[in-house]
C-alpha atoms as a PDB file:
ATOM      1  CA  UNK A   1     280.734 153.154-144.785  1.00  0.00           C
ATOM      2  CA  UNK A   2     282.933 154.786-147.579  1.00  0.00           C
ATOM      3  CA  UNK A   3     286.764 156.347-146.448  1.00  0.00           C
ATOM      4  CA  UNK A   4     285.258 159.683-147.457  1.00  0.00           C
ATOM      5  CA  UNK A   5     282.333 159.643-144.685  1.00  0.00           C
ATOM      6  CA  UNK A   6     284.567 158.207-142.117  1.00  0.00           C
ATOM      7  CA  UNK A   7     286.825 161.430-142.680  1.00  0.00           C
ATOM      8  CA  UNK A   8     283.607 163.624-143.072  1.00  0.00           C
ATOM      9  CA  UNK A   9     282.627 162.089-139.660  1.00  0.00           C
ATOM     10  CA  UNK A  10     285.581 162.862-137.847  1.00  0.00           C
ATOM     11  CA  UNK A  11     285.887 166.367-139.582  1.00  0.00           C
ATOM     12  CA  UNK A  12     282.677 166.947-137.602  1.00  0.00           C
ATOM     13  CA  UNK A  13     283.897 165.329-134.461  1.00  0.00           C
ATOM     14  CA  UNK A  14     284.710 168.369-132.307  1.00  0.00           C
ATOM     15  CA  UNK A  15     286.889 165.781-130.053  1.00  0.00           C
ATOM     16  CA  UNK A  16     289.211 164.997-132.925  1.00  0.00           C
ATOM     17  CA  UNK A  17     290.389 168.717-133.335  1.00  0.00           C
ATOM     18  CA  UNK A  18     291.424 168.462-129.684  1.00  0.00           C
ATOM     19  CA  UNK A  19     293.099 165.654-130.028  1.00  0.00           C
ATOM     20  CA  UNK A  20     296.103 165.993-131.814  1.00  0.00           C
ATOM     21  CA  UNK A  21     297.874 168.578-129.230  1.00  0.00           C
ATOM     22  CA  UNK A  22     297.334 165.826-126.243  1.00  0.00           C
ATOM     23  CA  UNK A  23     298.511 163.174-128.281  1.00  0.00           C
ATOM     24  CA  UNK A  24     301.502 165.181-129.299  1.00  0.00           C
ATOM     25  CA  UNK A  25     303.164 165.414-125.978  1.00  0.00           C
ATOM     26  CA  UNK A  26     306.326 163.640-125.710  1.00  0.00           C
ATOM     27  CA  UNK A  27     305.767 161.307-122.711  1.00  0.00           C
ATOM     28  CA  UNK A  28     308.520 158.819-123.310  1.00  0.00           C
ATOM     29  CA  UNK A  29     311.412 158.647-120.646  1.00  0.00           C
ATOM     30  CA  UNK A  30     314.928 159.512-122.273  1.00  0.00           C
ATOM     31  CA  UNK A  31     317.806 158.749-119.889  1.00  0.00           C
ATOM     32  CA  UNK A  32     319.846 161.927-120.850  1.00  0.00           C
ATOM     33  CA  UNK A  33     323.760 161.934-121.563  1.00  0.00           C
ATOM     34  CA  UNK A  34     324.234 163.151-117.855  1.00  0.00           C
ATOM     35  CA  UNK A  35     323.258 163.375-114.405  1.00  0.00           C
ATOM     36  CA  UNK A  36     322.341 166.713-114.924  1.00  0.00           C
ATOM     37  CA  UNK A  37     320.022 166.171-117.918  1.00  0.00           C
ATOM     38  CA  UNK A  38     318.813 162.989-116.379  1.00  0.00           C
ATOM     39  CA  UNK A  39     317.618 165.196-113.965  1.00  0.00           C
ATOM     40  CA  UNK A  40     315.886 167.408-116.082  1.00  0.00           C
ATOM     41  CA  UNK A  41     314.574 164.740-117.621  1.00  0.00           C
ATOM     42  CA  UNK A  42     312.729 163.027-114.768  1.00  0.00           C
ATOM     43  CA  UNK A  43     311.640 166.720-113.372  1.00  0.00           C
ATOM     44  CA  UNK A  44     309.757 167.257-117.205  1.00  0.00           C
ATOM     45  CA  UNK A  45     308.065 163.775-116.902  1.00  0.00           C
ATOM     46  CA  UNK A  46     307.312 163.663-113.292  1.00  0.00           C
ATOM     47  CA  UNK A  47     305.961 166.719-113.612  1.00  0.00           C
ATOM     48  CA  UNK A  48     303.446 166.220-116.634  1.00  0.00           C
ATOM     49  CA  UNK A  49     302.519 162.500-114.879  1.00  0.00           C
ATOM     50  CA  UNK A  50     301.317 164.617-112.510  1.00  0.00           C
ATOM     51  CA  UNK A  51     298.884 167.633-113.992  1.00  0.00           C
ATOM     52  CA  UNK A  52     297.784 164.887-116.605  1.00  0.00           C
ATOM     53  CA  UNK A  53     296.191 162.413-113.957  1.00  0.00           C
ATOM     54  CA  UNK A  54     295.920 164.590-110.920  1.00  0.00           C
ATOM     55  CA  UNK A  55     298.439 162.273-108.933  1.00  0.00           C
ATOM     56  CA  UNK A  56     301.885 160.140-109.342  1.00  0.00           C
ATOM     57  CA  UNK A  57     303.234 157.360-106.744  1.00  0.00           C
ATOM     58  CA  UNK A  58     306.647 156.187-105.864  1.00  0.00           C
ATOM     59  CA  UNK A  59     305.551 152.850-107.631  1.00  0.00           C
ATOM     60  CA  UNK A  60     304.873 154.792-111.290  1.00  0.00           C
ATOM     61  CA  UNK A  61     308.806 156.933-110.648  1.00  0.00           C
ATOM     62  CA  UNK A  62     310.850 153.232-109.623  1.00  0.00           C
ATOM     63  CA  UNK A  63     309.202 151.529-112.504  1.00  0.00           C
ATOM     64  CA  UNK A  64     309.516 154.225-115.275  1.00  0.00           C
ATOM     65  CA  UNK A  65     312.794 155.659-114.223  1.00  0.00           C
ATOM     66  CA  UNK A  66     314.131 152.046-113.320  1.00  0.00           C
ATOM     67  CA  UNK A  67     315.492 152.902-109.680  1.00  0.00           C
ATOM     68  CA  UNK A  68     314.603 151.532-106.067  1.00  0.00           C
ATOM     69  CA  UNK A  69     312.522 152.860-103.609  1.00  0.00           C
ATOM     70  CA  UNK A  70     314.440 155.203-101.922  1.00  0.00           C
ATOM     71  CA  UNK A  71     315.606 157.155-105.193  1.00  0.00           C
ATOM     72  CA  UNK A  72     311.906 157.143-106.106  1.00  0.00           C
ATOM     73  CA  UNK A  73     310.683 159.100-102.871  1.00  0.00           C
ATOM     74  CA  UNK A  74     314.114 161.634-102.708  1.00  0.00           C
ATOM     75  CA  UNK A  75     313.320 162.345-106.459  1.00  0.00           C
ATOM     76  CA  UNK A  76     309.862 163.394-105.505  1.00  0.00           C
ATOM     77  CA  UNK A  77     310.882 164.437-101.851  1.00  0.00           C
ATOM     78  CA  UNK A  78     312.873 167.059-104.071  1.00  0.00           C
ATOM     79  CA  UNK A  79     310.275 168.202-106.604  1.00  0.00           C
ATOM     80  CA  UNK A  80     308.372 168.619-103.024  1.00  0.00           C
ATOM     81  CA  UNK A  81     311.019 171.319-101.968  1.00  0.00           C
ATOM     82  CA  UNK A  82     310.927 172.655-105.189  1.00  0.00           C
ATOM     83  CA  UNK A  83     307.311 173.507-104.647  1.00  0.00           C
ATOM     84  CA  UNK A  84     306.166 171.817-107.355  1.00  0.00           C
ATOM     85  CA  UNK A  85     304.536 168.737-105.686  1.00  0.00           C
ATOM     86  CA  UNK A  86     302.996 168.132-102.117  1.00  0.00           C
ATOM     87  CA  UNK A  87     302.588 165.016-100.646  1.00  0.00           C
ATOM     88  CA  UNK A  88     299.390 163.000 -99.249  1.00  0.00           C
ATOM     89  CA  UNK A  89     299.307 160.228 -96.698  1.00  0.00           C
ATOM     90  CA  UNK A  90     296.517 157.736 -97.838  1.00  0.00           C
ATOM     91  CA  UNK A  91     296.464 153.764 -97.336  1.00  0.00           C
ATOM     92  CA  UNK A  92     294.436 154.120-100.472  1.00  0.00           C
ATOM     93  CA  UNK A  93     298.070 154.223-102.516  1.00  0.00           C
ATOM     94  CA  UNK A  94     299.955 150.995-102.834  1.00  0.00           C
ATOM     95  CA  UNK A  95     302.916 153.667-101.528  1.00  0.00           C
ATOM     96  CA  UNK A  96     300.651 154.747 -98.423  1.00  0.00           C
ATOM     97  CA  UNK A  97     301.114 158.398-100.257  1.00  0.00           C
ATOM     98  CA  UNK A  98     300.513 159.872-103.379  1.00  0.00           C
ATOM     99  CA  UNK A  99     302.176 163.555-104.495  1.00  0.00           C
ATOM    100  CA  UNK A 100     299.488 166.228-106.464  1.00  0.00           C
ATOM    101  CA  UNK A 101     301.134 169.299-108.545  1.00  0.00           C
ATOM    102  CA  UNK A 102     300.987 172.227-107.348  1.00  0.00           C
ATOM    103  CA  UNK A 103     299.972 175.988-108.950  1.00  0.00           C
ATOM    104  CA  UNK A 104     303.969 176.089-109.857  1.00  0.00           C
ATOM    105  CA  UNK A 105     303.721 172.942-111.604  1.00  0.00           C
ATOM    106  CA  UNK A 106     300.669 173.889-113.814  1.00  0.00           C
ATOM    107  CA  UNK A 107     302.431 176.780-114.934  1.00  0.00           C
ATOM    108  CA  UNK A 108     305.122 174.652-115.766  1.00  0.00           C
ATOM    109  CA  UNK A 109     303.272 172.056-117.508  1.00  0.00           C
ATOM    110  CA  UNK A 110     301.941 174.627-119.540  1.00  0.00           C
ATOM    111  CA  UNK A 111     305.023 175.821-121.179  1.00  0.00           C
ATOM    112  CA  UNK A 112     306.253 171.888-121.533  1.00  0.00           C
ATOM    113  CA  UNK A 113     302.991 171.225-123.754  1.00  0.00           C
ATOM    114  CA  UNK A 114     301.437 174.627-124.649  1.00  0.00           C
ATOM    115  CA  UNK A 115     298.251 174.051-123.643  1.00  0.00           C
ATOM    116  CA  UNK A 116     295.783 176.157-120.460  1.00  0.00           C
ATOM    117  CA  UNK A 117     295.981 173.734-117.536  1.00  0.00           C
ATOM    118  CA  UNK A 118     292.976 174.026-115.749  1.00  0.00           C
ATOM    119  CA  UNK A 119     294.308 174.053-112.403  1.00  0.00           C
ATOM    120  CA  UNK A 120     292.511 174.363-109.166  1.00  0.00           C
ATOM    121  CA  UNK A 121     294.286 174.468-106.129  1.00  0.00           C
ATOM    122  CA  UNK A 122     293.401 173.637-103.052  1.00  0.00           C
ATOM    123  CA  UNK A 123     294.997 174.353 -99.111  1.00  0.00           C
ATOM    124  CA  UNK A 124     294.464 170.627 -98.357  1.00  0.00           C
ATOM    125  CA  UNK A 125     295.828 168.702-100.863  1.00  0.00           C
ATOM    126  CA  UNK A 126     293.777 165.626-100.270  1.00  0.00           C
ATOM    127  CA  UNK A 127     290.921 167.150-101.902  1.00  0.00           C
ATOM    128  CA  UNK A 128     292.512 168.036-105.151  1.00  0.00           C
ATOM    129  CA  UNK A 129     291.586 164.510-106.223  1.00  0.00           C
ATOM    130  CA  UNK A 130     288.784 161.600-105.371  1.00  0.00           C
ATOM    131  CA  UNK A 131     290.606 159.273-103.138  1.00  0.00           C
ATOM    132  CA  UNK A 132     287.907 156.364-104.100  1.00  0.00           C
ATOM    133  CA  UNK A 133     289.808 156.029-107.670  1.00  0.00           C
ATOM    134  CA  UNK A 134     293.042 155.986-106.196  1.00  0.00           C
ATOM    135  CA  UNK A 135     293.930 152.693-107.686  1.00  0.00           C
ATOM    136  CA  UNK A 136     292.011 153.229-110.823  1.00  0.00           C
ATOM    137  CA  UNK A 137     293.847 156.448-111.794  1.00  0.00           C
ATOM    138  CA  UNK A 138     297.106 155.161-111.090  1.00  0.00           C
ATOM    139  CA  UNK A 139     296.421 151.958-112.842  1.00  0.00           C
ATOM    140  CA  UNK A 140     295.603 154.163-115.489  1.00  0.00           C
ATOM    141  CA  UNK A 141     298.516 155.482-115.671  1.00  0.00           C
ATOM    142  CA  UNK A 142     300.879 152.763-115.555  1.00  0.00           C
ATOM    143  CA  UNK A 143     299.031 151.263-118.921  1.00  0.00           C
ATOM    144  CA  UNK A 144     299.411 154.649-120.855  1.00  0.00           C
ATOM    145  CA  UNK A 145     302.974 154.928-120.009  1.00  0.00           C
ATOM    146  CA  UNK A 146     303.509 151.354-120.273  1.00  0.00           C
ATOM    147  CA  UNK A 147     302.023 150.951-123.682  1.00  0.00           C
ATOM    148  CA  UNK A 148     304.587 154.217-124.826  1.00  0.00           C
ATOM    149  CA  UNK A 149     307.524 152.345-122.809  1.00  0.00           C
ATOM    150  CA  UNK A 150     307.171 148.742-124.985  1.00  0.00           C
ATOM    151  CA  UNK A 151     310.187 147.113-125.762  1.00  0.00           C
ATOM    152  CA  UNK A 152     310.892 143.748-127.551  1.00  0.00           C
ATOM    153  CA  UNK A 153     313.027 140.859-125.917  1.00  0.00           C
ATOM    154  CA  UNK A 154     316.260 142.313-127.548  1.00  0.00           C
ATOM    155  CA  UNK A 155     315.295 145.816-126.010  1.00  0.00           C
ATOM    156  CA  UNK A 156     314.339 147.140-129.917  1.00  0.00           C
ATOM    157  CA  UNK A 157     311.549 149.747-129.104  1.00  0.00           C
ATOM    158  CA  UNK A 158     308.282 148.617-130.192  1.00  0.00           C
ATOM    159  CA  UNK A 159     305.294 151.278-128.397  1.00  0.00           C
ATOM    160  CA  UNK A 160     301.946 150.267-128.353  1.00  0.00           C
ATOM    161  CA  UNK A 161     300.711 153.556-129.342  1.00  0.00           C
ATOM    162  CA  UNK A 162     302.741 156.775-129.649  1.00  0.00           C
ATOM    163  CA  UNK A 163     300.101 159.056-128.025  1.00  0.00           C
ATOM    164  CA  UNK A 164     297.397 159.370-125.193  1.00  0.00           C
ATOM    165  CA  UNK A 165     294.872 161.617-124.023  1.00  0.00           C
ATOM    166  CA  UNK A 166     293.903 160.926-120.105  1.00  0.00           C
ATOM    167  CA  UNK A 167     290.797 161.024-118.322  1.00  0.00           C
ATOM    168  CA  UNK A 168     290.294 164.234-117.214  1.00  0.00           C
ATOM    169  CA  UNK A 169     291.578 166.158-120.677  1.00  0.00           C
ATOM    170  CA  UNK A 170     289.038 163.562-122.423  1.00  0.00           C
ATOM    171  CA  UNK A 171     286.354 164.819-119.676  1.00  0.00           C
ATOM    172  CA  UNK A 172     287.038 168.524-120.667  1.00  0.00           C
ATOM    173  CA  UNK A 173     286.926 168.338-124.302  1.00  0.00           C
ATOM    174  CA  UNK A 174     284.500 165.952-124.273  1.00  0.00           C
ATOM    175  CA  UNK A 175     280.640 168.152-124.251  1.00  0.00           C
ATOM    176  CA  UNK A 176     278.356 165.414-125.592  1.00  0.00           C
ATOM    177  CA  UNK A 177     275.726 163.337-123.378  1.00  0.00           C
ATOM    178  CA  UNK A 178     276.045 160.685-125.641  1.00  0.00           C
ATOM    179  CA  UNK A 179     279.604 159.725-125.028  1.00  0.00           C
ATOM    180  CA  UNK A 180     280.916 157.289-122.525  1.00  0.00           C
ATOM    181  CA  UNK A 181     283.310 158.881-120.782  1.00  0.00           C
ATOM    182  CA  UNK A 182     286.903 156.720-121.052  1.00  0.00           C
ATOM    183  CA  UNK A 183     289.810 156.410-118.789  1.00  0.00           C
ATOM    184  CA  UNK A 184     291.512 158.048-121.944  1.00  0.00           C
ATOM    185  CA  UNK A 185     292.243 157.777-125.328  1.00  0.00           C
ATOM    186  CA  UNK A 186     295.435 156.530-127.599  1.00  0.00           C
ATOM    187  CA  UNK A 187     296.848 157.366-131.060  1.00  0.00           C
ATOM    188  CA  UNK A 188     297.925 153.974-132.550  1.00  0.00           C
ATOM    189  CA  UNK A 189     300.852 153.771-134.931  1.00  0.00           C
ATOM    190  CA  UNK A 190     298.665 153.612-137.919  1.00  0.00           C
ATOM    191  CA  UNK A 191     296.703 157.305-137.069  1.00  0.00           C
ATOM    192  CA  UNK A 192     293.350 155.713-135.762  1.00  0.00           C
ATOM    193  CA  UNK A 193     292.522 156.259-132.223  1.00  0.00           C
ATOM    194  CA  UNK A 194     291.732 153.560-129.716  1.00  0.00           C
ATOM    195  CA  UNK A 195     289.598 154.059-125.949  1.00  0.00           C
ATOM    196  CA  UNK A 196     291.091 152.745-123.276  1.00  0.00           C
ATOM    197  CA  UNK A 197     289.153 151.225-120.286  1.00  0.00           C
ATOM    198  CA  UNK A 198     290.520 150.051-116.751  1.00  0.00           C
ATOM    199  CA  UNK A 199     288.243 147.563-115.227  1.00  0.00           C
ATOM    200  CA  UNK A 200     289.598 146.183-112.039  1.00  0.00           C
ATOM    201  CA  UNK A 201     286.448 145.175-110.894  1.00  0.00           C
ATOM    202  CA  UNK A 202     283.439 143.424-111.323  1.00  0.00           C
ATOM    203  CA  UNK A 203     280.177 144.863-112.884  1.00  0.00           C
ATOM    204  CA  UNK A 204     276.710 143.980-113.278  1.00  0.00           C
ATOM    205  CA  UNK A 205     274.597 143.235-116.304  1.00  0.00           C
ATOM    206  CA  UNK A 206     273.017 146.696-116.282  1.00  0.00           C
ATOM    207  CA  UNK A 207     276.056 148.502-115.656  1.00  0.00           C
ATOM    208  CA  UNK A 208     277.362 146.495-118.571  1.00  0.00           C
ATOM    209  CA  UNK A 209     274.289 147.016-120.698  1.00  0.00           C
ATOM    210  CA  UNK A 210     274.773 150.978-119.939  1.00  0.00           C
ATOM    211  CA  UNK A 211     278.794 150.908-121.153  1.00  0.00           C
ATOM    212  CA  UNK A 212     277.665 148.794-124.155  1.00  0.00           C
ATOM    213  CA  UNK A 213     275.202 151.535-125.523  1.00  0.00           C
ATOM    214  CA  UNK A 214     277.739 154.130-124.622  1.00  0.00           C
ATOM    215  CA  UNK A 215     280.613 152.488-126.445  1.00  0.00           C
ATOM    216  CA  UNK A 216     278.294 152.079-129.138  1.00  0.00           C
ATOM    217  CA  UNK A 217     276.964 155.608-129.649  1.00  0.00           C
ATOM    218  CA  UNK A 218     280.814 156.900-129.253  1.00  0.00           C
ATOM    219  CA  UNK A 219     281.827 154.397-132.144  1.00  0.00           C
ATOM    220  CA  UNK A 220     279.243 155.428-134.331  1.00  0.00           C
ATOM    221  CA  UNK A 221     280.080 158.941-133.957  1.00  0.00           C
ATOM    222  CA  UNK A 222     283.820 158.217-134.634  1.00  0.00           C
ATOM    223  CA  UNK A 223     284.986 159.175-130.755  1.00  0.00           C
ATOM    224  CA  UNK A 224     287.450 155.898-131.809  1.00  0.00           C
ATOM    225  CA  UNK A 225     287.651 153.301-133.721  1.00  0.00           C
ATOM    226  CA  UNK A 226     287.914 150.438-131.166  1.00  0.00           C
ATOM    227  CA  UNK A 227     287.928 150.071-127.121  1.00  0.00           C
ATOM    228  CA  UNK A 228     290.958 148.569-125.371  1.00  0.00           C
ATOM    229  CA  UNK A 229     290.029 146.842-121.904  1.00  0.00           C
ATOM    230  CA  UNK A 230     293.053 146.327-119.402  1.00  0.00           C
ATOM    231  CA  UNK A 231     292.631 144.554-115.861  1.00  0.00           C
ATOM    232  CA  UNK A 232     294.908 142.762-113.530  1.00  0.00           C
ATOM    233  CA  UNK A 233     292.494 139.829-113.747  1.00  0.00           C
ATOM    234  CA  UNK A 234     291.598 137.198-116.346  1.00  0.00           C
ATOM    235  CA  UNK A 235     288.649 136.374-114.417  1.00  0.00           C
ATOM    236  CA  UNK A 236     287.119 139.986-114.734  1.00  0.00           C
ATOM    237  CA  UNK A 237     287.552 139.462-118.460  1.00  0.00           C
ATOM    238  CA  UNK A 238     286.070 136.158-118.363  1.00  0.00           C
ATOM    239  CA  UNK A 239     282.939 137.429-116.783  1.00  0.00           C
ATOM    240  CA  UNK A 240     282.842 140.643-119.221  1.00  0.00           C
ATOM    241  CA  UNK A 241     283.250 138.672-122.198  1.00  0.00           C
ATOM    242  CA  UNK A 242     279.817 136.569-120.532  1.00  0.00           C
ATOM    243  CA  UNK A 243     277.956 139.069-119.820  1.00  0.00           C
ATOM    244  CA  UNK A 244     278.451 140.827-123.410  1.00  0.00           C
ATOM    245  CA  UNK A 245     277.659 137.744-125.235  1.00  0.00           C
ATOM    246  CA  UNK A 246     274.045 137.745-122.780  1.00  0.00           C
ATOM    247  CA  UNK A 247     273.776 141.693-123.776  1.00  0.00           C
ATOM    248  CA  UNK A 248     274.336 140.736-127.773  1.00  0.00           C
ATOM    249  CA  UNK A 249     271.828 138.302-127.632  1.00  0.00           C
ATOM    250  CA  UNK A 250     268.960 139.996-125.190  1.00  0.00           C
ATOM    251  CA  UNK A 251     269.091 143.557-126.817  1.00  0.00           C
ATOM    252  CA  UNK A 252     268.138 142.766-130.265  1.00  0.00           C
ATOM    253  CA  UNK A 253     264.990 141.258-128.747  1.00  0.00           C
ATOM    254  CA  UNK A 254     264.414 143.950-126.752  1.00  0.00           C
ATOM    255  CA  UNK A 255     263.064 147.745-127.579  1.00  0.00           C
ATOM    256  CA  UNK A 256     263.435 151.369-127.480  1.00  0.00           C
ATOM    257  CA  UNK A 257     260.081 152.947-125.692  1.00  0.00           C
ATOM    258  CA  UNK A 258     260.458 155.803-127.942  1.00  0.00           C
ATOM    259  CA  UNK A 259     261.812 154.347-131.159  1.00  0.00           C
ATOM    260  CA  UNK A 260     260.483 150.999-130.706  1.00  0.00           C
ATOM    261  CA  UNK A 261     263.168 149.899-132.410  1.00  0.00           C
ATOM    262  CA  UNK A 262     265.682 146.969-131.087  1.00  0.00           C
ATOM    263  CA  UNK A 263     267.909 148.282-128.122  1.00  0.00           C
ATOM    264  CA  UNK A 264     270.581 146.938-130.500  1.00  0.00           C
ATOM    265  CA  UNK A 265     270.582 145.303-134.112  1.00  0.00           C
ATOM    266  CA  UNK A 266     272.422 142.421-134.685  1.00  0.00           C
ATOM    267  CA  UNK A 267     274.964 144.647-137.242  1.00  0.00           C
ATOM    268  CA  UNK A 268     275.696 146.952-134.179  1.00  0.00           C
ATOM    269  CA  UNK A 269     276.405 143.591-131.844  1.00  0.00           C
ATOM    270  CA  UNK A 270     278.825 142.865-134.281  1.00  0.00           C
ATOM    271  CA  UNK A 271     280.401 146.338-134.770  1.00  0.00           C
ATOM    272  CA  UNK A 272     280.821 145.879-130.861  1.00  0.00           C
ATOM    273  CA  UNK A 273     282.055 142.514-130.760  1.00  0.00           C
ATOM    274  CA  UNK A 274     284.505 143.522-133.437  1.00  0.00           C
ATOM    275  CA  UNK A 275     285.655 146.681-131.949  1.00  0.00           C
ATOM    276  CA  UNK A 276     286.106 145.726-128.132  1.00  0.00           C
ATOM    277  CA  UNK A 277     289.446 143.740-126.973  1.00  0.00           C
ATOM    278  CA  UNK A 278     290.512 142.564-124.533  1.00  0.00           C
ATOM    279  CA  UNK A 279     294.529 142.722-123.701  1.00  0.00           C
ATOM    280  CA  UNK A 280     295.575 140.766-121.254  1.00  0.00           C
ATOM    281  CA  UNK A 281     299.188 141.775-122.273  1.00  0.00           C
ATOM    282  CA  UNK A 282     299.532 143.722-118.971  1.00  0.00           C
ATOM    283  CA  UNK A 283     297.359 141.452-116.374  1.00  0.00           C
ATOM    284  CA  UNK A 284     300.328 139.973-114.397  1.00  0.00           C
ATOM    285  CA  UNK A 285     302.515 143.226-114.717  1.00  0.00           C
ATOM    286  CA  UNK A 286     299.138 144.839-113.110  1.00  0.00           C
ATOM    287  CA  UNK A 287     298.455 142.465-110.777  1.00  0.00           C
ATOM    288  CA  UNK A 288     302.509 142.727-109.486  1.00  0.00           C
ATOM    289  CA  UNK A 289     302.557 146.002-109.705  1.00  0.00           C
ATOM    290  CA  UNK A 290     299.358 147.272-107.763  1.00  0.00           C
ATOM    291  CA  UNK A 291     298.024 144.171-105.834  1.00  0.00           C
ATOM    292  CA  UNK A 292     301.300 141.943-104.758  1.00  0.00           C
END
């Protein structure tokens, strides 16, 4: 495919018209010259995280701002007192609690982002999010923020990407049935777009096949140019690779009933092999933060 054909595809792709405004939201934490500025910066970023990911926890705050658990709780409880957050106690969170945004937080985030926030408040804050997805959503938030806050050993700033779109945002702007809703997308430093997927559990071959075919459709339509997989477990990665290789061998021999074409061509298999990237870099960090 020529560069011009690629550009034409992207210009006709509605996702690409929406990506930039989300990628341009500054999600980097800046320390601030004094305590007042530090407080302002933390309030801004905490509210944006809560709105963009639906929840936030003391663990995320503790890691991101480099503070202890007590100070993280004080920060979140102060925002609760100010009417920006509400706390929900739950055993599904590593901290035993999560904080969800309020309508006031949604209006504040709208001002910060310049983007309308589709916010649905509930008298019972525990109904504002899916409790079954807490761990997944927290790992997702950590990975996306961790990519923004990446430094070399000499403390030189070296981000893995410079902007992201979260899963709720991706779902909102995506109305294509053959596009797999991913856990988010990031803008890499070269301007290309990569999908982010959090794999924290084992899946069977049937599920893997469905996911691969959705990836293929999205790669063909240039929704993103590669897929980064993150996990807390190298064993999960090994299992995914094993199933993928089986499917890359089997699917070219199986045919779609309607089109009578192979479910996967050899070139499709090569495209998927080249585009799916297993990011082991954060395995130990995710395991330590969420499973220790």
